[in-house]
């Protein structure tokens, strides 16, 4: 028996058996729909307790590691150094020497965002800075951010910054 299963059995055994008694032997005044609701609520209590144990157990098993942090920082540094280039997850994995699944898992754990979202936001930030600092045309800012269509760029920019790019131009 796994440790999780033993733990769940222990908790549902102690607390669950008490709640199971309520389900099997409800108060005498309970009947019809009220009895059904009473039994269902106690059954949900048992399930809730079992799920809480699973969540606590899973949370402890997936604590970020120092190795994962170093790998994530290495990936972030690589992206920042090559943000203007054509970046794919496969290319990043190959150049950094980490599997794509490890990159995705660790990056999300440590930075709270996916690799592709991080790249998109960094490129949008570059475009925003160029708009404000240099007053470049929106089409050029779209190209800088990796968008072939200025309209798609404008939509993404507005979603990220709350205003259209024309309001950020110097």
N, C-alpha and C. Protein backbone atom coordinates (compact mmCIF):
# COMPACT_ATOMS: atom_id res chain seq x y z
N UNK A 1 0.85 -1.18 0.00
CA UNK A 1 0.00 0.00 0.00
C UNK A 1 0.90 1.24 0.00
N UNK A 2 0.61 2.20 -0.89
CA UNK A 2 1.42 3.41 -0.96
C UNK A 2 1.19 4.27 0.28
N UNK A 3 2.14 5.19 0.50
CA UNK A 3 2.03 6.07 1.67
C UNK A 3 0.78 6.94 1.57
N UNK A 4 0.49 7.42 0.35
CA UNK A 4 -0.71 8.25 0.16
C UNK A 4 -1.96 7.47 0.53
N UNK A 5 -2.03 6.27 -0.02
CA UNK A 5 -3.22 5.46 0.20
C UNK A 5 -3.38 5.13 1.69
N UNK A 6 -2.26 4.85 2.35
CA UNK A 6 -2.31 4.55 3.78
C UNK A 6 -2.78 5.77 4.56
N UNK A 7 -2.28 6.94 4.16
CA UNK A 7 -2.67 8.17 4.84
C UNK A 7 -4.16 8.44 4.66
N UNK A 8 -4.63 8.28 3.43
CA UNK A 8 -6.06 8.50 3.15
C UNK A 8 -6.89 7.49 3.92
N UNK A 9 -6.45 6.25 3.89
CA UNK A 9 -7.18 5.22 4.63
C UNK A 9 -7.23 5.55 6.11
N UNK A 10 -6.11 6.03 6.65
CA UNK A 10 -6.07 6.40 8.07
C UNK A 10 -7.03 7.52 8.39
N UNK A 11 -7.01 8.58 7.58
CA UNK A 11 -7.89 9.73 7.85
C UNK A 11 -9.34 9.36 7.62
N UNK A 12 -9.60 8.74 6.46
CA UNK A 12 -10.99 8.38 6.20
C UNK A 12 -11.43 7.28 7.14
N UNK A 13 -10.47 6.52 7.64
CA UNK A 13 -10.80 5.48 8.62
C UNK A 13 -11.24 6.09 9.93
N UNK A 14 -10.51 7.10 10.41
CA UNK A 14 -10.84 7.72 11.70
C UNK A 14 -12.06 8.62 11.57
N UNK A 15 -11.94 9.62 10.71
CA UNK A 15 -13.01 10.59 10.57
C UNK A 15 -14.12 10.04 9.70
N UNK A 16 -13.72 9.34 8.63
CA UNK A 16 -14.69 8.81 7.68
C UNK A 16 -15.62 7.79 8.30
N UNK A 17 -15.10 6.96 9.20
CA UNK A 17 -15.98 5.95 9.81
C UNK A 17 -17.04 6.64 10.67
N UNK A 18 -16.65 7.73 11.31
CA UNK A 18 -17.60 8.50 12.12
C UNK A 18 -18.68 9.09 11.21
N UNK A 19 -18.24 9.66 10.06
CA UNK A 19 -19.20 10.23 9.12
C UNK A 19 -20.03 9.14 8.46
N UNK A 20 -19.42 7.99 8.22
CA UNK A 20 -20.16 6.88 7.62
C UNK A 20 -21.28 6.41 8.55
N UNK A 21 -21.02 6.46 9.85
CA UNK A 21 -22.06 6.12 10.82
C UNK A 21 -23.28 7.04 10.65
N UNK A 22 -23.00 8.34 10.43
CA UNK A 22 -24.10 9.29 10.22
C UNK A 22 -24.89 8.94 8.96
N UNK A 23 -24.17 8.49 7.94
CA UNK A 23 -24.85 8.14 6.69
C UNK A 23 -25.72 6.91 6.88
N UNK A 24 -25.15 5.91 7.55
CA UNK A 24 -25.87 4.65 7.72
C UNK A 24 -26.98 4.74 8.78
N UNK A 25 -26.76 5.56 9.80
CA UNK A 25 -27.74 5.67 10.89
C UNK A 25 -28.11 7.14 11.10
N UNK A 26 -28.91 7.70 10.19
CA UNK A 26 -29.29 9.11 10.32
C UNK A 26 -30.30 9.29 11.47
N UNK A 27 -30.46 10.53 11.91
CA UNK A 27 -31.47 10.79 12.95
C UNK A 27 -32.84 10.31 12.48
N UNK A 28 -33.63 9.88 13.40
CA UNK A 28 -34.94 9.30 13.08
C UNK A 28 -35.88 10.23 12.35
N UNK A 29 -35.75 11.53 12.53
CA UNK A 29 -36.68 12.48 11.92
C UNK A 29 -36.40 12.68 10.43
N UNK A 30 -35.27 12.17 9.93
CA UNK A 30 -34.90 12.37 8.53
C UNK A 30 -35.68 11.41 7.64
N UNK A 31 -36.25 11.97 6.56
CA UNK A 31 -36.98 11.15 5.59
C UNK A 31 -37.01 11.85 4.24
N UNK A 32 -37.21 11.11 3.20
CA UNK A 32 -37.38 11.66 1.85
C UNK A 32 -36.18 12.45 1.37
N UNK A 33 -36.45 13.63 0.78
CA UNK A 33 -35.39 14.49 0.23
C UNK A 33 -34.42 14.96 1.30
N UNK A 34 -34.92 15.23 2.47
CA UNK A 34 -34.07 15.68 3.57
C UNK A 34 -33.05 14.60 3.94
N UNK A 35 -33.47 13.35 3.94
CA UNK A 35 -32.57 12.23 4.23
C UNK A 35 -31.50 12.12 3.14
N UNK A 36 -31.92 12.27 1.89
CA UNK A 36 -30.97 12.21 0.77
C UNK A 36 -29.94 13.32 0.89
N UNK A 37 -30.37 14.54 1.16
CA UNK A 37 -29.45 15.66 1.32
C UNK A 37 -28.50 15.44 2.50
N UNK A 38 -29.02 14.93 3.60
CA UNK A 38 -28.21 14.67 4.79
C UNK A 38 -27.11 13.66 4.47
N UNK A 39 -27.49 12.56 3.81
CA UNK A 39 -26.50 11.53 3.47
C UNK A 39 -25.48 12.06 2.45
N UNK A 40 -25.95 12.79 1.46
CA UNK A 40 -25.03 13.33 0.45
C UNK A 40 -24.03 14.30 1.07
N UNK A 41 -24.49 15.14 1.99
CA UNK A 41 -23.58 16.11 2.59
C UNK A 41 -22.48 15.41 3.38
N UNK A 42 -22.82 14.34 4.08
CA UNK A 42 -21.80 13.60 4.83
C UNK A 42 -20.87 12.84 3.88
N UNK A 43 -21.40 12.34 2.79
CA UNK A 43 -20.55 11.66 1.79
C UNK A 43 -19.57 12.67 1.19
N UNK A 44 -20.04 13.88 0.91
CA UNK A 44 -19.15 14.92 0.38
C UNK A 44 -18.08 15.31 1.40
N UNK A 45 -18.41 15.30 2.67
CA UNK A 45 -17.41 15.57 3.71
C UNK A 45 -16.28 14.55 3.65
N UNK A 46 -16.64 13.29 3.51
CA UNK A 46 -15.63 12.24 3.43
C UNK A 46 -14.74 12.45 2.20
N UNK A 47 -15.37 12.73 1.06
CA UNK A 47 -14.60 12.94 -0.17
C UNK A 47 -13.72 14.18 -0.05
N UNK A 48 -14.22 15.22 0.57
CA UNK A 48 -13.45 16.45 0.74
C UNK A 48 -12.21 16.21 1.58
N UNK A 49 -12.35 15.45 2.65
CA UNK A 49 -11.21 15.15 3.50
C UNK A 49 -10.16 14.32 2.75
N UNK A 50 -10.62 13.35 1.98
CA UNK A 50 -9.69 12.52 1.21
C UNK A 50 -8.96 13.36 0.16
N UNK A 51 -9.67 14.26 -0.50
CA UNK A 51 -9.05 15.13 -1.51
C UNK A 51 -8.06 16.09 -0.87
N UNK A 52 -8.39 16.60 0.30
CA UNK A 52 -7.46 17.50 1.01
C UNK A 52 -6.15 16.81 1.31
N UNK A 53 -6.22 15.57 1.71
CA UNK A 53 -5.01 14.80 1.98
C UNK A 53 -4.20 14.64 0.70
N UNK A 54 -4.86 14.33 -0.40
CA UNK A 54 -4.17 14.17 -1.69
C UNK A 54 -3.50 15.47 -2.13
N UNK A 55 -4.20 16.58 -1.99
CA UNK A 55 -3.65 17.87 -2.41
C UNK A 55 -2.44 18.23 -1.56
N UNK A 56 -2.54 18.04 -0.27
CA UNK A 56 -1.40 18.34 0.61
C UNK A 56 -0.22 17.45 0.27
N UNK A 57 -0.48 16.19 0.00
CA UNK A 57 0.57 15.23 -0.33
C UNK A 57 1.20 15.58 -1.68
N UNK A 58 0.39 15.93 -2.69
CA UNK A 58 0.92 16.30 -4.00
C UNK A 58 1.70 17.59 -3.93
N UNK A 59 1.24 18.56 -3.14
CA UNK A 59 1.93 19.84 -3.01
C UNK A 59 3.32 19.64 -2.43
N UNK A 60 3.45 18.75 -1.49
CA UNK A 60 4.76 18.50 -0.87
C UNK A 60 5.69 17.81 -1.85
N UNK A 61 5.15 16.97 -2.73
CA UNK A 61 5.97 16.22 -3.67
C UNK A 61 6.51 17.10 -4.79
N UNK A 62 5.84 18.22 -5.08
CA UNK A 62 6.23 19.06 -6.21
C UNK A 62 6.85 20.38 -5.79
N UNK A 63 7.58 20.40 -4.71
CA UNK A 63 8.27 21.61 -4.30
C UNK A 63 9.40 21.89 -5.29
N UNK A 64 9.54 23.13 -5.71
CA UNK A 64 10.62 23.47 -6.64
C UNK A 64 11.99 23.12 -6.03
N UNK A 65 12.88 22.66 -6.90
CA UNK A 65 14.22 22.27 -6.45
C UNK A 65 15.24 23.31 -6.88
N UNK A 66 16.40 23.26 -6.24
CA UNK A 66 17.49 24.18 -6.60
C UNK A 66 17.94 23.92 -8.03
N UNK A 67 18.01 22.65 -8.41
CA UNK A 67 18.40 22.31 -9.79
C UNK A 67 17.39 22.88 -10.78
N UNK A 68 16.11 22.71 -10.47
CA UNK A 68 15.06 23.26 -11.34
C UNK A 68 15.16 24.76 -11.47
N UNK A 69 15.48 25.44 -10.36
CA UNK A 69 15.64 26.90 -10.39
C UNK A 69 16.81 27.29 -11.27
N UNK A 70 17.94 26.60 -11.12
CA UNK A 70 19.11 26.92 -11.95
C UNK A 70 18.81 26.69 -13.43
N UNK A 71 18.12 25.59 -13.73
CA UNK A 71 17.76 25.32 -15.12
C UNK A 71 16.83 26.40 -15.66
N UNK A 72 15.85 26.80 -14.87
CA UNK A 72 14.91 27.84 -15.29
C UNK A 72 15.62 29.17 -15.53
N UNK A 73 16.54 29.51 -14.65
CA UNK A 73 17.29 30.76 -14.81
C UNK A 73 18.19 30.70 -16.04
N UNK A 74 18.75 29.54 -16.32
CA UNK A 74 19.58 29.36 -17.51
C UNK A 74 18.73 29.56 -18.77
N UNK A 75 17.53 29.01 -18.76
CA UNK A 75 16.60 29.17 -19.89
C UNK A 75 16.20 30.63 -20.04
N UNK A 76 15.86 31.28 -18.94
CA UNK A 76 15.47 32.70 -18.98
C UNK A 76 16.61 33.55 -19.54
N UNK A 77 17.82 33.33 -19.06
CA UNK A 77 18.97 34.09 -19.55
C UNK A 77 19.20 33.86 -21.04
N UNK A 78 19.02 32.63 -21.48
CA UNK A 78 19.18 32.31 -22.90
C UNK A 78 18.12 33.07 -23.73
N UNK A 79 16.88 33.04 -23.25
CA UNK A 79 15.80 33.73 -23.97
C UNK A 79 16.10 35.22 -24.05
N UNK A 80 16.51 35.82 -22.96
CA UNK A 80 16.79 37.26 -22.95
C UNK A 80 17.93 37.61 -23.90
N UNK A 81 18.91 36.73 -24.03
CA UNK A 81 20.04 36.98 -24.92
C UNK A 81 19.68 36.78 -26.39
N UNK A 82 18.63 36.01 -26.65
CA UNK A 82 18.26 35.67 -28.04
C UNK A 82 16.82 36.05 -28.38
N UNK A 83 16.24 36.97 -27.62
CA UNK A 83 14.82 37.29 -27.77
C UNK A 83 14.47 37.80 -29.17
N UNK A 84 15.41 38.40 -29.87
CA UNK A 84 15.14 38.93 -31.21
C UNK A 84 15.23 37.85 -32.30
N UNK A 85 15.65 36.67 -31.92
CA UNK A 85 15.81 35.58 -32.89
C UNK A 85 14.55 34.71 -32.89
N UNK A 86 14.51 33.78 -33.85
CA UNK A 86 13.40 32.84 -33.93
C UNK A 86 13.60 31.77 -32.86
N UNK A 87 12.83 31.85 -31.79
CA UNK A 87 12.99 30.92 -30.67
C UNK A 87 11.87 29.88 -30.68
N UNK A 88 12.28 28.64 -30.62
CA UNK A 88 11.34 27.54 -30.43
C UNK A 88 11.77 26.78 -29.19
N UNK A 89 10.85 26.06 -28.62
CA UNK A 89 11.17 25.28 -27.44
C UNK A 89 12.26 24.25 -27.76
N UNK A 90 12.19 23.65 -28.94
CA UNK A 90 13.20 22.67 -29.34
C UNK A 90 14.59 23.31 -29.44
N UNK A 91 14.64 24.50 -30.02
CA UNK A 91 15.93 25.18 -30.14
C UNK A 91 16.50 25.53 -28.76
N UNK A 92 15.64 26.06 -27.90
CA UNK A 92 16.08 26.43 -26.55
C UNK A 92 16.60 25.18 -25.84
N UNK A 93 15.84 24.09 -25.92
CA UNK A 93 16.23 22.84 -25.25
C UNK A 93 17.58 22.35 -25.77
N UNK A 94 17.75 22.38 -27.08
CA UNK A 94 19.00 21.92 -27.68
C UNK A 94 20.17 22.80 -27.26
N UNK A 95 20.00 24.12 -27.33
CA UNK A 95 21.10 25.04 -27.04
C UNK A 95 21.45 25.11 -25.55
N UNK A 96 20.46 24.89 -24.70
CA UNK A 96 20.69 24.98 -23.26
C UNK A 96 21.05 23.60 -22.69
N UNK A 97 20.68 22.53 -23.40
CA UNK A 97 21.02 21.18 -22.95
C UNK A 97 20.06 20.63 -21.91
N UNK A 98 18.79 21.02 -22.01
CA UNK A 98 17.76 20.55 -21.08
C UNK A 98 16.59 20.05 -21.92
N UNK A 99 15.93 18.99 -21.48
CA UNK A 99 14.79 18.46 -22.25
C UNK A 99 13.64 19.47 -22.28
N UNK A 100 12.84 19.40 -23.33
CA UNK A 100 11.71 20.33 -23.46
C UNK A 100 10.72 20.16 -22.31
N UNK A 101 10.49 18.93 -21.89
CA UNK A 101 9.53 18.73 -20.79
C UNK A 101 10.06 19.32 -19.48
N UNK A 102 11.36 19.19 -19.23
CA UNK A 102 11.94 19.79 -18.03
C UNK A 102 11.87 21.31 -18.10
N UNK A 103 12.16 21.86 -19.26
CA UNK A 103 12.08 23.32 -19.42
C UNK A 103 10.68 23.80 -19.10
N UNK A 104 9.69 23.18 -19.72
CA UNK A 104 8.31 23.62 -19.51
C UNK A 104 7.90 23.51 -18.04
N UNK A 105 8.20 22.39 -17.42
CA UNK A 105 7.79 22.15 -16.04
C UNK A 105 8.48 23.11 -15.07
N UNK A 106 9.80 23.18 -15.15
CA UNK A 106 10.55 24.00 -14.21
C UNK A 106 10.31 25.49 -14.42
N UNK A 107 10.23 25.93 -15.67
CA UNK A 107 10.03 27.34 -15.96
C UNK A 107 8.69 27.81 -15.37
N UNK A 108 7.67 27.03 -15.57
CA UNK A 108 6.34 27.37 -15.04
C UNK A 108 6.36 27.38 -13.51
N UNK A 109 7.03 26.39 -12.90
CA UNK A 109 7.13 26.33 -11.44
C UNK A 109 7.81 27.56 -10.86
N UNK A 110 8.88 28.01 -11.49
CA UNK A 110 9.71 29.07 -10.92
C UNK A 110 9.28 30.47 -11.32
N UNK A 111 8.74 30.63 -12.51
CA UNK A 111 8.39 31.97 -12.96
C UNK A 111 6.88 32.19 -13.10
N UNK A 112 6.10 31.14 -12.93
CA UNK A 112 4.65 31.27 -12.96
C UNK A 112 4.07 31.58 -14.33
N UNK A 113 4.84 31.33 -15.37
CA UNK A 113 4.38 31.56 -16.74
C UNK A 113 5.03 30.54 -17.66
N UNK A 114 4.44 30.35 -18.82
CA UNK A 114 5.04 29.42 -19.78
C UNK A 114 6.18 30.11 -20.51
N UNK A 115 7.02 29.31 -21.14
CA UNK A 115 8.15 29.84 -21.90
C UNK A 115 7.63 30.72 -23.04
N UNK A 116 6.62 30.26 -23.76
CA UNK A 116 6.11 31.04 -24.89
C UNK A 116 5.50 32.36 -24.43
N UNK A 117 4.79 32.36 -23.31
CA UNK A 117 4.23 33.62 -22.79
C UNK A 117 5.34 34.57 -22.35
N UNK A 118 6.40 34.03 -21.76
CA UNK A 118 7.53 34.85 -21.34
C UNK A 118 8.18 35.52 -22.56
N UNK A 119 8.38 34.74 -23.61
CA UNK A 119 8.98 35.29 -24.84
C UNK A 119 8.08 36.38 -25.42
N UNK A 120 6.79 36.09 -25.50
CA UNK A 120 5.84 37.07 -26.05
C UNK A 120 5.87 38.36 -25.24
N UNK A 121 5.87 38.25 -23.92
CA UNK A 121 5.87 39.45 -23.07
C UNK A 121 7.18 40.22 -23.19
N UNK A 122 8.30 39.54 -23.29
CA UNK A 122 9.59 40.21 -23.46
C UNK A 122 9.64 40.97 -24.78
N UNK A 123 9.12 40.36 -25.83
CA UNK A 123 9.10 41.02 -27.14
C UNK A 123 8.16 42.21 -27.14
N UNK A 124 7.02 42.07 -26.49
CA UNK A 124 6.10 43.22 -26.38
C UNK A 124 6.74 44.35 -25.58
N UNK A 125 7.49 44.00 -24.55
CA UNK A 125 8.17 45.01 -23.74
C UNK A 125 9.22 45.75 -24.56
N UNK A 126 9.96 45.01 -25.41
CA UNK A 126 10.93 45.66 -26.30
C UNK A 126 10.24 46.64 -27.24
N UNK A 127 9.12 46.20 -27.79
CA UNK A 127 8.37 47.05 -28.72
C UNK A 127 7.82 48.28 -27.99
N UNK A 128 7.31 48.09 -26.79
CA UNK A 128 6.78 49.22 -26.02
C UNK A 128 7.90 50.23 -25.73
N UNK A 129 9.05 49.74 -25.33
CA UNK A 129 10.17 50.64 -25.04
C UNK A 129 10.59 51.40 -26.29
N UNK A 130 10.63 50.73 -27.43
CA UNK A 130 11.01 51.39 -28.68
C UNK A 130 9.97 52.43 -29.10
N UNK A 131 8.70 52.12 -28.88
CA UNK A 131 7.64 53.08 -29.18
C UNK A 131 7.80 54.34 -28.33
N UNK A 132 8.02 54.15 -27.05
CA UNK A 132 8.12 55.29 -26.12
C UNK A 132 9.43 56.06 -26.30
N UNK A 133 10.52 55.34 -26.47
CA UNK A 133 11.83 55.97 -26.53
C UNK A 133 12.12 56.58 -27.91
N UNK A 134 11.82 55.81 -28.97
CA UNK A 134 12.21 56.22 -30.32
C UNK A 134 11.05 56.68 -31.20
N UNK A 135 9.82 56.42 -30.75
CA UNK A 135 8.66 56.81 -31.54
C UNK A 135 8.55 56.06 -32.86
N UNK A 136 8.99 54.81 -32.90
CA UNK A 136 8.96 54.03 -34.15
C UNK A 136 7.52 53.81 -34.60
N UNK A 137 7.31 53.58 -35.89
CA UNK A 137 5.95 53.29 -36.38
C UNK A 137 5.42 51.98 -35.78
N UNK A 138 4.13 51.89 -35.69
CA UNK A 138 3.50 50.71 -35.11
C UNK A 138 3.83 49.45 -35.91
N UNK A 139 3.90 49.56 -37.22
CA UNK A 139 4.25 48.39 -38.04
C UNK A 139 5.65 47.89 -37.71
N UNK A 140 6.57 48.81 -37.45
CA UNK A 140 7.92 48.42 -37.08
C UNK A 140 7.95 47.80 -35.68
N UNK A 141 7.16 48.35 -34.78
CA UNK A 141 7.06 47.79 -33.43
C UNK A 141 6.47 46.38 -33.49
N UNK A 142 5.48 46.19 -34.36
CA UNK A 142 4.88 44.86 -34.53
C UNK A 142 5.93 43.87 -35.01
N UNK A 143 6.74 44.26 -35.98
CA UNK A 143 7.80 43.40 -36.49
C UNK A 143 8.81 43.09 -35.38
N UNK A 144 9.18 44.09 -34.60
CA UNK A 144 10.13 43.93 -33.51
C UNK A 144 9.61 42.94 -32.47
N UNK A 145 8.31 42.95 -32.25
CA UNK A 145 7.69 42.05 -31.27
C UNK A 145 7.40 40.67 -31.85
N UNK A 146 7.70 40.46 -33.15
CA UNK A 146 7.50 39.15 -33.76
C UNK A 146 6.14 38.94 -34.40
N UNK A 147 5.41 40.03 -34.62
CA UNK A 147 4.10 39.93 -35.25
C UNK A 147 4.21 40.34 -36.71
N UNK A 148 3.63 39.53 -37.60
CA UNK A 148 3.64 39.88 -39.02
C UNK A 148 2.47 40.79 -39.36
N UNK A 149 1.48 40.81 -38.50
CA UNK A 149 0.28 41.61 -38.72
C UNK A 149 0.18 42.69 -37.64
N UNK A 150 0.26 43.99 -38.03
CA UNK A 150 0.16 45.07 -37.03
C UNK A 150 -1.14 45.04 -36.22
N UNK A 151 -2.20 44.54 -36.82
CA UNK A 151 -3.49 44.47 -36.12
C UNK A 151 -3.41 43.45 -34.97
N UNK A 152 -2.76 42.32 -35.20
CA UNK A 152 -2.57 41.32 -34.13
C UNK A 152 -1.69 41.89 -33.03
N UNK A 153 -0.65 42.62 -33.43
CA UNK A 153 0.22 43.26 -32.46
C UNK A 153 -0.56 44.26 -31.61
N UNK A 154 -1.38 45.08 -32.24
CA UNK A 154 -2.17 46.08 -31.52
C UNK A 154 -3.08 45.40 -30.50
N UNK A 155 -3.71 44.30 -30.90
CA UNK A 155 -4.60 43.56 -29.99
C UNK A 155 -3.82 43.02 -28.79
N UNK A 156 -2.68 42.38 -29.05
CA UNK A 156 -1.85 41.83 -27.97
C UNK A 156 -1.32 42.94 -27.07
N UNK A 157 -0.90 44.04 -27.67
CA UNK A 157 -0.36 45.18 -26.91
C UNK A 157 -1.43 45.75 -25.99
N UNK A 158 -2.61 45.95 -26.53
CA UNK A 158 -3.70 46.52 -25.74
C UNK A 158 -4.11 45.59 -24.61
N UNK A 159 -4.11 44.29 -24.90
CA UNK A 159 -4.45 43.31 -23.86
C UNK A 159 -3.41 43.32 -22.73
N UNK A 160 -2.16 43.49 -23.08
CA UNK A 160 -1.07 43.47 -22.09
C UNK A 160 -0.97 44.77 -21.32
N UNK A 161 -1.04 45.92 -22.03
CA UNK A 161 -0.77 47.21 -21.40
C UNK A 161 -2.01 48.06 -21.14
N UNK A 162 -3.16 47.63 -21.65
CA UNK A 162 -4.40 48.36 -21.39
C UNK A 162 -4.64 49.56 -22.29
N UNK A 163 -3.68 49.88 -23.14
CA UNK A 163 -3.84 50.98 -24.10
C UNK A 163 -3.27 50.52 -25.44
N UNK A 164 -3.69 51.21 -26.50
CA UNK A 164 -3.16 50.85 -27.82
C UNK A 164 -1.76 51.40 -27.99
N UNK A 165 -0.99 50.83 -28.91
CA UNK A 165 0.40 51.28 -29.11
C UNK A 165 0.51 52.75 -29.50
N UNK A 166 -0.50 53.27 -30.20
CA UNK A 166 -0.40 54.67 -30.62
C UNK A 166 -0.38 55.61 -29.43
N UNK A 167 -0.94 55.19 -28.29
CA UNK A 167 -0.93 56.02 -27.09
C UNK A 167 0.42 55.97 -26.37
N UNK A 168 1.29 55.06 -26.78
CA UNK A 168 2.60 54.92 -26.14
C UNK A 168 3.72 55.51 -27.00
N UNK A 169 3.41 55.90 -28.22
CA UNK A 169 4.44 56.45 -29.11
C UNK A 169 4.91 57.81 -28.61
N UNK A 170 6.23 58.02 -28.72
CA UNK A 170 6.82 59.30 -28.29
C UNK A 170 6.47 60.40 -29.27
